[in-house]
C-alpha cells in the first residue's frame, strides 16, 4: 500500500483509497524505474552536455508514457481498449531499453550502470505482455478449422477434409 507524509511531516499516513492502477505490480515497478532513471538522466546531463539531450529527453518521455498508459489502460472498461493501452505501455518500455542502449553506445553510460534499469524493464515488459494477453479479445489471431469438400461430381461419395487457416472474432 502507498504511504505519504502528512502535511506537518509527522510520519507516514496510509491512505485507504487507492486507484485500481496503483494495485498493479507493473505500475509499481514502472514507478521504481522512473525513480531509478531520474538520477541517471541527471548524471548524463551533467557529464555530456548537449551530446545526449535528445536521448535523455526521449528516455524521460518514454518512461512517463509507460506509466501513464498503464494507469489509463487499467481505467478503461472495454477489453480491447485496455489491451491497446497496455500494448502502448509495453512499446514505451522497450523504447526506454533502446534509449539506455543508446547511452552506452554514445559512451556516456556503462553497461554495468544501466543493468539494473534493463532488468526492471524486462520484468515490466513481461508483465505488460501478460496484461495485453489477458485483455486482448483474440481478434486477428490465427487458428485452423476443418472444412469438408467433395472431389468429383455430385454423385461421387468421396469426400475429404482439409484444414483452412482463417481469422475469427470472439464476441
N, C-alpha and C. Protein backbone atom coordinates (compact mmCIF):
# COMPACT_ATOMS: atom_id res chain seq x y z
N UNK A 1 0.84 -1.18 0.00
CA UNK A 1 0.00 0.00 0.00
C UNK A 1 0.89 1.24 0.00
N UNK A 2 0.46 2.30 -0.67
CA UNK A 2 1.23 3.54 -0.72
C UNK A 2 1.11 4.30 0.58
N UNK A 3 2.18 4.94 0.98
CA UNK A 3 2.12 5.80 2.16
C UNK A 3 2.69 7.15 1.80
N UNK A 4 2.14 8.19 2.38
CA UNK A 4 2.55 9.55 2.10
C UNK A 4 2.76 10.28 3.42
N UNK A 5 3.59 11.28 3.39
CA UNK A 5 3.81 12.09 4.58
C UNK A 5 2.59 12.95 4.86
N UNK A 6 2.29 13.16 6.12
CA UNK A 6 1.22 14.08 6.46
C UNK A 6 1.72 15.50 6.23
N UNK A 7 0.82 16.46 6.22
CA UNK A 7 1.19 17.84 5.92
C UNK A 7 2.24 18.37 6.88
N UNK A 8 2.18 18.03 8.15
CA UNK A 8 3.15 18.55 9.10
C UNK A 8 4.40 17.67 9.20
N UNK A 9 4.48 16.63 8.35
CA UNK A 9 5.65 15.76 8.34
C UNK A 9 5.73 14.84 9.54
N UNK A 10 4.61 14.61 10.23
CA UNK A 10 4.61 13.83 11.46
C UNK A 10 4.65 12.33 11.25
N UNK A 11 5.02 11.89 10.07
CA UNK A 11 5.13 10.46 9.83
C UNK A 11 4.23 10.01 8.70
N UNK A 12 4.40 8.77 8.30
CA UNK A 12 3.62 8.29 7.16
C UNK A 12 2.14 8.16 7.52
N UNK A 13 1.36 8.47 6.56
CA UNK A 13 -0.09 8.33 6.68
C UNK A 13 -0.53 7.37 5.58
N UNK A 14 -1.16 6.29 5.93
CA UNK A 14 -1.62 5.33 4.93
C UNK A 14 -2.97 5.77 4.42
N UNK A 15 -3.07 5.87 3.12
CA UNK A 15 -4.33 6.27 2.51
C UNK A 15 -5.18 5.04 2.27
N UNK A 16 -6.43 5.12 2.67
CA UNK A 16 -7.33 3.99 2.48
C UNK A 16 -7.75 3.86 1.03
N UNK A 17 -7.88 4.99 0.34
CA UNK A 17 -8.33 4.98 -1.04
C UNK A 17 -7.15 4.78 -1.98
N UNK A 18 -7.26 3.79 -2.82
CA UNK A 18 -6.25 3.54 -3.85
C UNK A 18 -6.96 3.42 -5.18
N UNK A 19 -6.33 3.93 -6.21
CA UNK A 19 -6.84 3.70 -7.55
C UNK A 19 -6.48 2.28 -7.95
N UNK A 20 -7.26 1.70 -8.84
CA UNK A 20 -7.01 0.33 -9.28
C UNK A 20 -5.63 0.17 -9.91
N UNK A 21 -5.19 1.17 -10.69
CA UNK A 21 -3.89 1.04 -11.34
C UNK A 21 -2.74 0.98 -10.34
N UNK A 22 -2.93 1.56 -9.16
CA UNK A 22 -1.88 1.54 -8.14
C UNK A 22 -1.67 0.14 -7.57
N UNK A 23 -2.65 -0.73 -7.76
CA UNK A 23 -2.55 -2.10 -7.26
C UNK A 23 -1.78 -3.01 -8.22
N UNK A 24 -1.54 -2.53 -9.45
CA UNK A 24 -0.83 -3.35 -10.44
C UNK A 24 0.67 -3.40 -10.13
N UNK A 25 1.22 -4.60 -10.13
CA UNK A 25 2.67 -4.75 -9.93
C UNK A 25 3.44 -4.03 -11.03
N UNK A 26 2.92 -4.08 -12.24
CA UNK A 26 3.60 -3.41 -13.37
C UNK A 26 3.69 -1.91 -13.10
N UNK A 27 2.62 -1.31 -12.64
CA UNK A 27 2.60 0.13 -12.35
C UNK A 27 3.61 0.47 -11.25
N UNK A 28 3.63 -0.32 -10.20
CA UNK A 28 4.57 -0.07 -9.10
C UNK A 28 6.02 -0.20 -9.57
N UNK A 29 6.30 -1.18 -10.43
CA UNK A 29 7.65 -1.34 -10.95
C UNK A 29 8.00 -0.20 -11.92
N UNK A 30 7.03 0.27 -12.66
CA UNK A 30 7.26 1.42 -13.54
C UNK A 30 7.63 2.66 -12.72
N UNK A 31 6.97 2.84 -11.59
CA UNK A 31 7.33 3.95 -10.69
C UNK A 31 8.77 3.79 -10.18
N UNK A 32 9.13 2.56 -9.82
CA UNK A 32 10.51 2.30 -9.38
C UNK A 32 11.50 2.59 -10.49
N UNK A 33 11.14 2.25 -11.74
CA UNK A 33 12.03 2.54 -12.86
C UNK A 33 12.23 4.05 -13.01
N UNK A 34 11.15 4.81 -12.91
CA UNK A 34 11.26 6.27 -13.02
C UNK A 34 12.16 6.81 -11.91
N UNK A 35 12.00 6.30 -10.69
CA UNK A 35 12.86 6.73 -9.59
C UNK A 35 14.31 6.34 -9.85
N UNK A 36 14.54 5.19 -10.49
CA UNK A 36 15.90 4.75 -10.81
C UNK A 36 16.50 5.58 -11.94
N UNK A 37 15.73 5.88 -12.98
CA UNK A 37 16.27 6.53 -14.17
C UNK A 37 16.51 8.03 -13.96
N UNK A 38 15.79 8.66 -13.04
CA UNK A 38 15.93 10.11 -12.84
C UNK A 38 17.36 10.52 -12.47
N UNK A 39 18.02 9.86 -11.51
CA UNK A 39 19.41 10.23 -11.23
C UNK A 39 20.35 9.94 -12.41
N UNK A 40 20.07 8.89 -13.17
CA UNK A 40 20.89 8.59 -14.35
C UNK A 40 20.79 9.74 -15.36
N UNK A 41 19.58 10.22 -15.58
CA UNK A 41 19.39 11.34 -16.51
C UNK A 41 20.14 12.58 -16.03
N UNK A 42 20.13 12.82 -14.73
CA UNK A 42 20.86 13.96 -14.17
C UNK A 42 22.37 13.79 -14.35
N UNK A 43 22.88 12.58 -14.11
CA UNK A 43 24.31 12.29 -14.29
C UNK A 43 24.74 12.52 -15.74
N UNK A 44 23.95 11.98 -16.66
CA UNK A 44 24.29 12.09 -18.08
C UNK A 44 24.23 13.54 -18.53
N UNK A 45 23.21 14.26 -18.09
CA UNK A 45 23.08 15.67 -18.47
C UNK A 45 24.27 16.49 -17.96
N UNK A 46 24.77 16.17 -16.79
CA UNK A 46 25.89 16.91 -16.21
C UNK A 46 27.21 16.56 -16.88
N UNK A 47 27.38 15.31 -17.30
CA UNK A 47 28.67 14.88 -17.84
C UNK A 47 28.82 15.03 -19.34
N UNK A 48 27.74 15.01 -20.07
CA UNK A 48 27.82 15.03 -21.53
C UNK A 48 26.91 16.11 -22.09
N UNK A 49 27.24 17.31 -21.81
CA UNK A 49 26.38 18.44 -22.20
C UNK A 49 26.09 18.45 -23.70
N UNK A 50 24.80 18.45 -24.04
CA UNK A 50 24.37 18.58 -25.42
C UNK A 50 24.42 17.32 -26.25
N UNK A 51 25.40 16.48 -26.02
CA UNK A 51 25.60 15.31 -26.88
C UNK A 51 24.52 14.24 -26.72
N UNK A 52 23.80 14.28 -25.61
CA UNK A 52 22.79 13.24 -25.37
C UNK A 52 21.42 13.83 -25.02
N UNK A 53 21.24 15.08 -25.29
CA UNK A 53 19.98 15.75 -24.90
C UNK A 53 18.77 15.02 -25.46
N UNK A 54 18.80 14.68 -26.75
CA UNK A 54 17.63 14.04 -27.38
C UNK A 54 17.34 12.68 -26.76
N UNK A 55 18.39 11.89 -26.52
CA UNK A 55 18.19 10.56 -25.93
C UNK A 55 17.62 10.69 -24.53
N UNK A 56 18.15 11.61 -23.75
CA UNK A 56 17.65 11.80 -22.38
C UNK A 56 16.20 12.29 -22.38
N UNK A 57 15.88 13.22 -23.27
CA UNK A 57 14.50 13.69 -23.36
C UNK A 57 13.57 12.55 -23.74
N UNK A 58 14.00 11.73 -24.70
CA UNK A 58 13.17 10.61 -25.14
C UNK A 58 13.01 9.57 -24.03
N UNK A 59 14.07 9.29 -23.31
CA UNK A 59 14.02 8.33 -22.20
C UNK A 59 13.07 8.84 -21.11
N UNK A 60 13.15 10.12 -20.81
CA UNK A 60 12.27 10.71 -19.81
C UNK A 60 10.81 10.62 -20.26
N UNK A 61 10.54 10.97 -21.51
CA UNK A 61 9.16 10.91 -22.04
C UNK A 61 8.65 9.48 -22.10
N UNK A 62 9.48 8.56 -22.57
CA UNK A 62 9.04 7.16 -22.71
C UNK A 62 8.75 6.53 -21.36
N UNK A 63 9.56 6.85 -20.35
CA UNK A 63 9.32 6.27 -19.02
C UNK A 63 8.00 6.80 -18.45
N UNK A 64 7.72 8.07 -18.68
CA UNK A 64 6.46 8.64 -18.22
C UNK A 64 5.29 8.08 -19.03
N UNK A 65 5.46 7.93 -20.33
CA UNK A 65 4.42 7.37 -21.18
C UNK A 65 4.06 5.95 -20.77
N UNK A 66 5.07 5.16 -20.41
CA UNK A 66 4.85 3.79 -19.96
C UNK A 66 3.92 3.80 -18.74
N UNK A 67 4.24 4.62 -17.78
CA UNK A 67 3.47 4.71 -16.55
C UNK A 67 2.04 5.20 -16.81
N UNK A 68 1.92 6.26 -17.59
CA UNK A 68 0.60 6.86 -17.83
C UNK A 68 -0.30 5.95 -18.66
N UNK A 69 0.27 5.26 -19.65
CA UNK A 69 -0.54 4.33 -20.45
C UNK A 69 -1.03 3.16 -19.61
N UNK A 70 -0.20 2.69 -18.68
CA UNK A 70 -0.62 1.61 -17.80
C UNK A 70 -1.79 2.07 -16.92
N UNK A 71 -1.66 3.26 -16.34
CA UNK A 71 -2.73 3.78 -15.49
C UNK A 71 -4.00 4.01 -16.29
N UNK A 72 -3.89 4.64 -17.43
CA UNK A 72 -5.08 4.94 -18.24
C UNK A 72 -5.72 3.65 -18.76
N UNK A 73 -4.90 2.72 -19.20
CA UNK A 73 -5.43 1.47 -19.71
C UNK A 73 -6.19 0.69 -18.66
N UNK A 74 -5.70 0.71 -17.45
CA UNK A 74 -6.37 -0.03 -16.40
C UNK A 74 -7.72 0.59 -16.04
N UNK A 75 -7.91 1.85 -16.41
CA UNK A 75 -9.18 2.50 -16.14
C UNK A 75 -10.21 2.33 -17.24
N UNK A 76 -9.82 1.73 -18.35
CA UNK A 76 -10.75 1.54 -19.47
C UNK A 76 -11.63 0.32 -19.21
N UNK A 77 -12.87 0.39 -19.69
CA UNK A 77 -13.81 -0.70 -19.47
C UNK A 77 -13.79 -1.73 -20.58
N UNK A 78 -13.58 -1.30 -21.81
CA UNK A 78 -13.61 -2.23 -22.93
C UNK A 78 -12.28 -2.97 -23.02
N UNK A 79 -12.35 -4.27 -23.07
CA UNK A 79 -11.16 -5.11 -23.06
C UNK A 79 -10.18 -4.79 -24.18
N UNK A 80 -10.61 -4.62 -25.43
CA UNK A 80 -9.65 -4.32 -26.49
C UNK A 80 -8.97 -2.96 -26.29
N UNK A 81 -9.68 -2.02 -25.72
CA UNK A 81 -9.09 -0.69 -25.47
C UNK A 81 -8.04 -0.81 -24.37
N UNK A 82 -8.37 -1.58 -23.33
CA UNK A 82 -7.39 -1.82 -22.25
C UNK A 82 -6.13 -2.45 -22.82
N UNK A 83 -6.32 -3.47 -23.66
CA UNK A 83 -5.18 -4.17 -24.25
C UNK A 83 -4.32 -3.21 -25.07
N UNK A 84 -4.95 -2.30 -25.80
CA UNK A 84 -4.20 -1.34 -26.61
C UNK A 84 -3.34 -0.43 -25.75
N UNK A 85 -3.89 0.07 -24.64
CA UNK A 85 -3.11 0.93 -23.76
C UNK A 85 -1.95 0.16 -23.13
N UNK A 86 -2.20 -1.08 -22.71
CA UNK A 86 -1.12 -1.88 -22.14
C UNK A 86 -0.06 -2.18 -23.19
N UNK A 87 -0.49 -2.39 -24.43
CA UNK A 87 0.47 -2.62 -25.51
C UNK A 87 1.28 -1.35 -25.79
N UNK A 88 0.65 -0.20 -25.73
CA UNK A 88 1.38 1.07 -25.89
C UNK A 88 2.39 1.25 -24.76
N UNK A 89 2.01 0.90 -23.55
CA UNK A 89 2.93 0.98 -22.41
C UNK A 89 4.12 0.05 -22.63
N UNK A 90 3.85 -1.15 -23.16
CA UNK A 90 4.91 -2.10 -23.46
C UNK A 90 5.87 -1.51 -24.49
N UNK A 91 5.32 -0.86 -25.51
CA UNK A 91 6.16 -0.22 -26.52
C UNK A 91 7.04 0.86 -25.92
N UNK A 92 6.49 1.63 -24.99
CA UNK A 92 7.29 2.66 -24.32
C UNK A 92 8.39 2.05 -23.45
N UNK A 93 8.10 0.90 -22.85
CA UNK A 93 9.12 0.23 -22.04
C UNK A 93 10.28 -0.25 -22.92
N UNK A 94 9.98 -0.81 -24.08
CA UNK A 94 11.07 -1.24 -24.97
C UNK A 94 11.81 -0.03 -25.53
N UNK A 95 11.11 1.07 -25.70
CA UNK A 95 11.76 2.31 -26.12
C UNK A 95 12.74 2.78 -25.04
N UNK A 96 12.37 2.66 -23.79
CA UNK A 96 13.28 3.00 -22.68
C UNK A 96 14.54 2.14 -22.75
N UNK A 97 14.37 0.86 -23.02
CA UNK A 97 15.52 -0.04 -23.12
C UNK A 97 16.44 0.39 -24.26
N UNK A 98 15.86 0.78 -25.38
CA UNK A 98 16.67 1.24 -26.52
C UNK A 98 17.41 2.53 -26.17
N UNK A 99 16.77 3.42 -25.43
CA UNK A 99 17.43 4.66 -25.01
C UNK A 99 18.62 4.35 -24.10
N UNK A 100 18.44 3.40 -23.19
CA UNK A 100 19.57 3.01 -22.32
C UNK A 100 20.72 2.47 -23.16
N UNK A 101 20.39 1.65 -24.18
CA UNK A 101 21.43 1.13 -25.08
C UNK A 101 22.12 2.27 -25.81
N UNK A 102 21.36 3.29 -26.21
CA UNK A 102 21.94 4.44 -26.92
C UNK A 102 22.92 5.19 -26.02
N UNK A 103 22.60 5.29 -24.74
CA UNK A 103 23.52 5.97 -23.82
C UNK A 103 24.85 5.22 -23.71
N UNK A 104 24.78 3.90 -23.76
CA UNK A 104 26.01 3.10 -23.75
C UNK A 104 26.75 3.29 -25.07
N UNK A 105 26.02 3.26 -26.18
CA UNK A 105 26.65 3.43 -27.49
C UNK A 105 27.32 4.79 -27.62
N UNK A 106 26.74 5.80 -26.99
CA UNK A 106 27.32 7.15 -27.03
C UNK A 106 28.43 7.33 -25.99
N UNK A 107 28.70 6.28 -25.25
CA UNK A 107 29.77 6.25 -24.24
C UNK A 107 29.58 7.25 -23.11
N UNK A 108 28.33 7.44 -22.72
CA UNK A 108 28.05 8.29 -21.57
C UNK A 108 27.53 7.49 -20.38
N UNK A 109 27.31 6.20 -20.60
CA UNK A 109 26.92 5.28 -19.52
C UNK A 109 27.56 3.92 -19.84
N UNK A 110 27.78 3.15 -18.80
CA UNK A 110 28.34 1.81 -19.00
C UNK A 110 27.22 0.78 -18.92
N UNK A 111 27.51 -0.40 -19.46
CA UNK A 111 26.52 -1.48 -19.37
C UNK A 111 26.22 -1.82 -17.92
N UNK A 112 27.23 -1.73 -17.07
CA UNK A 112 27.02 -2.02 -15.65
C UNK A 112 26.07 -0.99 -15.02
N UNK A 113 26.19 0.27 -15.45
CA UNK A 113 25.36 1.33 -14.89
C UNK A 113 23.90 1.15 -15.28
N UNK A 114 23.63 0.68 -16.48
CA UNK A 114 22.24 0.56 -16.93
C UNK A 114 21.63 -0.81 -16.65
N UNK A 115 22.44 -1.74 -16.14
CA UNK A 115 21.98 -3.12 -15.93
C UNK A 115 20.71 -3.19 -15.09
N UNK A 116 20.68 -2.49 -13.98
CA UNK A 116 19.52 -2.54 -13.09
C UNK A 116 18.25 -2.05 -13.80
N UNK A 117 18.38 -0.98 -14.57
CA UNK A 117 17.25 -0.46 -15.31
C UNK A 117 16.74 -1.43 -16.36
N UNK A 118 17.67 -2.05 -17.08
CA UNK A 118 17.27 -3.03 -18.11
C UNK A 118 16.59 -4.22 -17.46
N UNK A 119 17.07 -4.62 -16.29
CA UNK A 119 16.47 -5.73 -15.58
C UNK A 119 15.02 -5.40 -15.20
N UNK A 120 14.80 -4.18 -14.72
CA UNK A 120 13.43 -3.77 -14.39
C UNK A 120 12.56 -3.75 -15.65
N UNK A 121 13.11 -3.24 -16.75
CA UNK A 121 12.34 -3.14 -17.99
C UNK A 121 11.94 -4.51 -18.53
N UNK A 122 12.82 -5.50 -18.40
CA UNK A 122 12.47 -6.86 -18.84
C UNK A 122 11.25 -7.35 -18.06
N UNK A 123 11.25 -7.12 -16.75
CA UNK A 123 10.11 -7.54 -15.92
C UNK A 123 8.85 -6.76 -16.28
N UNK A 124 9.00 -5.46 -16.51
CA UNK A 124 7.85 -4.62 -16.87
C UNK A 124 7.24 -5.10 -18.18
N UNK A 125 8.08 -5.32 -19.18
CA UNK A 125 7.58 -5.78 -20.49
C UNK A 125 6.86 -7.12 -20.33
N UNK A 126 7.42 -8.01 -19.54
CA UNK A 126 6.79 -9.31 -19.32
C UNK A 126 5.41 -9.14 -18.68
N UNK A 127 5.31 -8.29 -17.67
CA UNK A 127 4.03 -8.06 -17.01
C UNK A 127 3.02 -7.43 -17.97
N UNK A 128 3.48 -6.47 -18.76
CA UNK A 128 2.58 -5.80 -19.70
C UNK A 128 2.12 -6.76 -20.79
N UNK A 129 3.00 -7.65 -21.24
CA UNK A 129 2.58 -8.67 -22.22
C UNK A 129 1.48 -9.54 -21.63
N UNK A 130 1.61 -9.88 -20.36
CA UNK A 130 0.57 -10.65 -19.69
C UNK A 130 -0.75 -9.91 -19.63
N UNK A 131 -0.69 -8.61 -19.36
CA UNK A 131 -1.92 -7.80 -19.33
C UNK A 131 -2.54 -7.68 -20.71
N UNK A 132 -1.70 -7.52 -21.73
CA UNK A 132 -2.23 -7.46 -23.10
C UNK A 132 -2.94 -8.77 -23.42
N UNK A 133 -2.29 -9.89 -23.14
CA UNK A 133 -2.89 -11.20 -23.42
C UNK A 133 -4.20 -11.39 -22.65
N UNK A 134 -4.24 -10.90 -21.44
CA UNK A 134 -5.43 -11.08 -20.61
C UNK A 134 -6.63 -10.32 -21.17
N UNK A 135 -6.38 -9.14 -21.72
CA UNK A 135 -7.50 -8.30 -22.16
C UNK A 135 -7.70 -8.28 -23.67
N UNK A 136 -6.81 -8.88 -24.42
CA UNK A 136 -6.98 -8.94 -25.87
C UNK A 136 -8.07 -9.96 -26.17
N UNK A 137 -9.05 -9.56 -26.97
CA UNK A 137 -10.18 -10.46 -27.23
C UNK A 137 -9.92 -11.47 -28.34
N UNK A 138 -8.72 -11.51 -28.85
CA UNK A 138 -8.39 -12.53 -29.83
C UNK A 138 -8.57 -12.13 -31.26
N UNK A 139 -9.02 -10.93 -31.55
CA UNK A 139 -9.17 -10.51 -32.95
C UNK A 139 -7.84 -10.64 -33.66
N UNK A 140 -7.89 -11.21 -34.83
CA UNK A 140 -6.68 -11.31 -35.64
C UNK A 140 -5.82 -12.51 -35.34
N UNK A 141 -6.17 -13.30 -34.34
CA UNK A 141 -5.38 -14.49 -34.04
C UNK A 141 -5.75 -15.60 -35.00
N UNK A 142 -4.76 -16.32 -35.47
CA UNK A 142 -4.99 -17.39 -36.43
C UNK A 142 -5.26 -18.71 -35.72
N UNK A 143 -6.15 -19.47 -36.29
CA UNK A 143 -6.35 -20.85 -35.85
C UNK A 143 -6.82 -21.65 -37.06
N UNK A 144 -6.83 -22.95 -36.91
CA UNK A 144 -7.24 -23.80 -38.02
C UNK A 144 -8.56 -24.47 -37.69
N UNK A 145 -9.41 -24.56 -38.69
CA UNK A 145 -10.66 -25.28 -38.51
C UNK A 145 -10.87 -26.15 -39.74
N UNK A 146 -11.41 -27.35 -39.55
CA UNK A 146 -11.61 -28.25 -40.68
C UNK A 146 -12.74 -27.78 -41.59
N UNK A 147 -12.54 -27.99 -42.88
CA UNK A 147 -13.55 -27.66 -43.88
C UNK A 147 -13.71 -28.89 -44.77
N UNK A 148 -14.95 -29.37 -44.95
CA UNK A 148 -15.17 -30.55 -45.77
C UNK A 148 -15.44 -30.13 -47.21
N UNK A 149 -14.87 -30.86 -48.14
CA UNK A 149 -15.13 -30.60 -49.55
C UNK A 149 -15.20 -31.93 -50.27
N UNK A 150 -15.84 -31.95 -51.44
CA UNK A 150 -16.02 -33.19 -52.22
C UNK A 150 -15.17 -33.13 -53.48
N UNK A 151 -14.71 -34.30 -53.87
CA UNK A 151 -13.94 -34.43 -55.10
C UNK A 151 -14.83 -35.14 -56.12
N UNK A 152 -14.89 -34.61 -57.30
CA UNK A 152 -15.69 -35.26 -58.35
C UNK A 152 -17.03 -34.58 -58.53
N UNK A 153 -17.95 -35.33 -59.17
CA UNK A 153 -19.27 -34.75 -59.45
C UNK A 153 -20.21 -34.93 -58.26
N UNK A 154 -21.43 -34.49 -58.43
CA UNK A 154 -22.41 -34.51 -57.35
C UNK A 154 -22.70 -35.92 -56.84
N UNK A 155 -22.57 -36.91 -57.74
CA UNK A 155 -22.90 -38.28 -57.37
C UNK A 155 -21.76 -39.01 -56.67
N UNK A 156 -20.57 -38.42 -56.69
CA UNK A 156 -19.41 -39.06 -56.08
C UNK A 156 -19.54 -39.00 -54.55
N UNK A 157 -19.22 -40.12 -53.91
CA UNK A 157 -19.30 -40.18 -52.46
C UNK A 157 -17.97 -39.88 -51.80
N UNK A 158 -16.94 -39.72 -52.57
CA UNK A 158 -15.62 -39.48 -51.99
C UNK A 158 -15.56 -38.04 -51.45
N UNK A 159 -15.27 -37.93 -50.18
CA UNK A 159 -15.11 -36.60 -49.60
C UNK A 159 -13.82 -36.57 -48.78
N UNK A 160 -13.27 -35.41 -48.65
CA UNK A 160 -12.04 -35.23 -47.88
C UNK A 160 -12.21 -34.04 -46.96
N UNK A 161 -11.42 -34.06 -45.94
CA UNK A 161 -11.41 -32.92 -45.03
C UNK A 161 -10.04 -32.26 -45.14
N UNK A 162 -10.04 -30.97 -45.26
CA UNK A 162 -8.77 -30.25 -45.27
C UNK A 162 -8.83 -29.19 -44.18
N UNK A 163 -7.70 -28.64 -43.89
CA UNK A 163 -7.64 -27.61 -42.87
C UNK A 163 -7.41 -26.27 -43.54
N UNK A 164 -8.17 -25.29 -43.13
CA UNK A 164 -8.01 -23.95 -43.68
C UNK A 164 -7.74 -22.99 -42.52
N UNK A 165 -6.75 -22.13 -42.70
CA UNK A 165 -6.43 -21.16 -41.66
C UNK A 165 -7.25 -19.91 -41.92
N UNK A 166 -7.90 -19.43 -40.90
CA UNK A 166 -8.70 -18.22 -41.02
C UNK A 166 -8.72 -17.50 -39.69
N UNK A 167 -9.12 -16.26 -39.74
CA UNK A 167 -9.25 -15.50 -38.51
C UNK A 167 -10.72 -15.49 -38.10
N UNK A 168 -10.94 -15.50 -36.81
CA UNK A 168 -12.30 -15.41 -36.30
C UNK A 168 -12.34 -14.34 -35.22
N UNK A 169 -13.50 -13.85 -34.98
CA UNK A 169 -13.66 -12.83 -33.96
C UNK A 169 -14.47 -13.42 -32.82
N UNK A 170 -13.97 -13.25 -31.62
CA UNK A 170 -14.74 -13.65 -30.45
C UNK A 170 -15.67 -12.51 -30.09
N UNK A 171 -16.80 -12.86 -29.56
CA UNK A 171 -17.78 -11.82 -29.19
C UNK A 171 -17.77 -11.63 -27.70
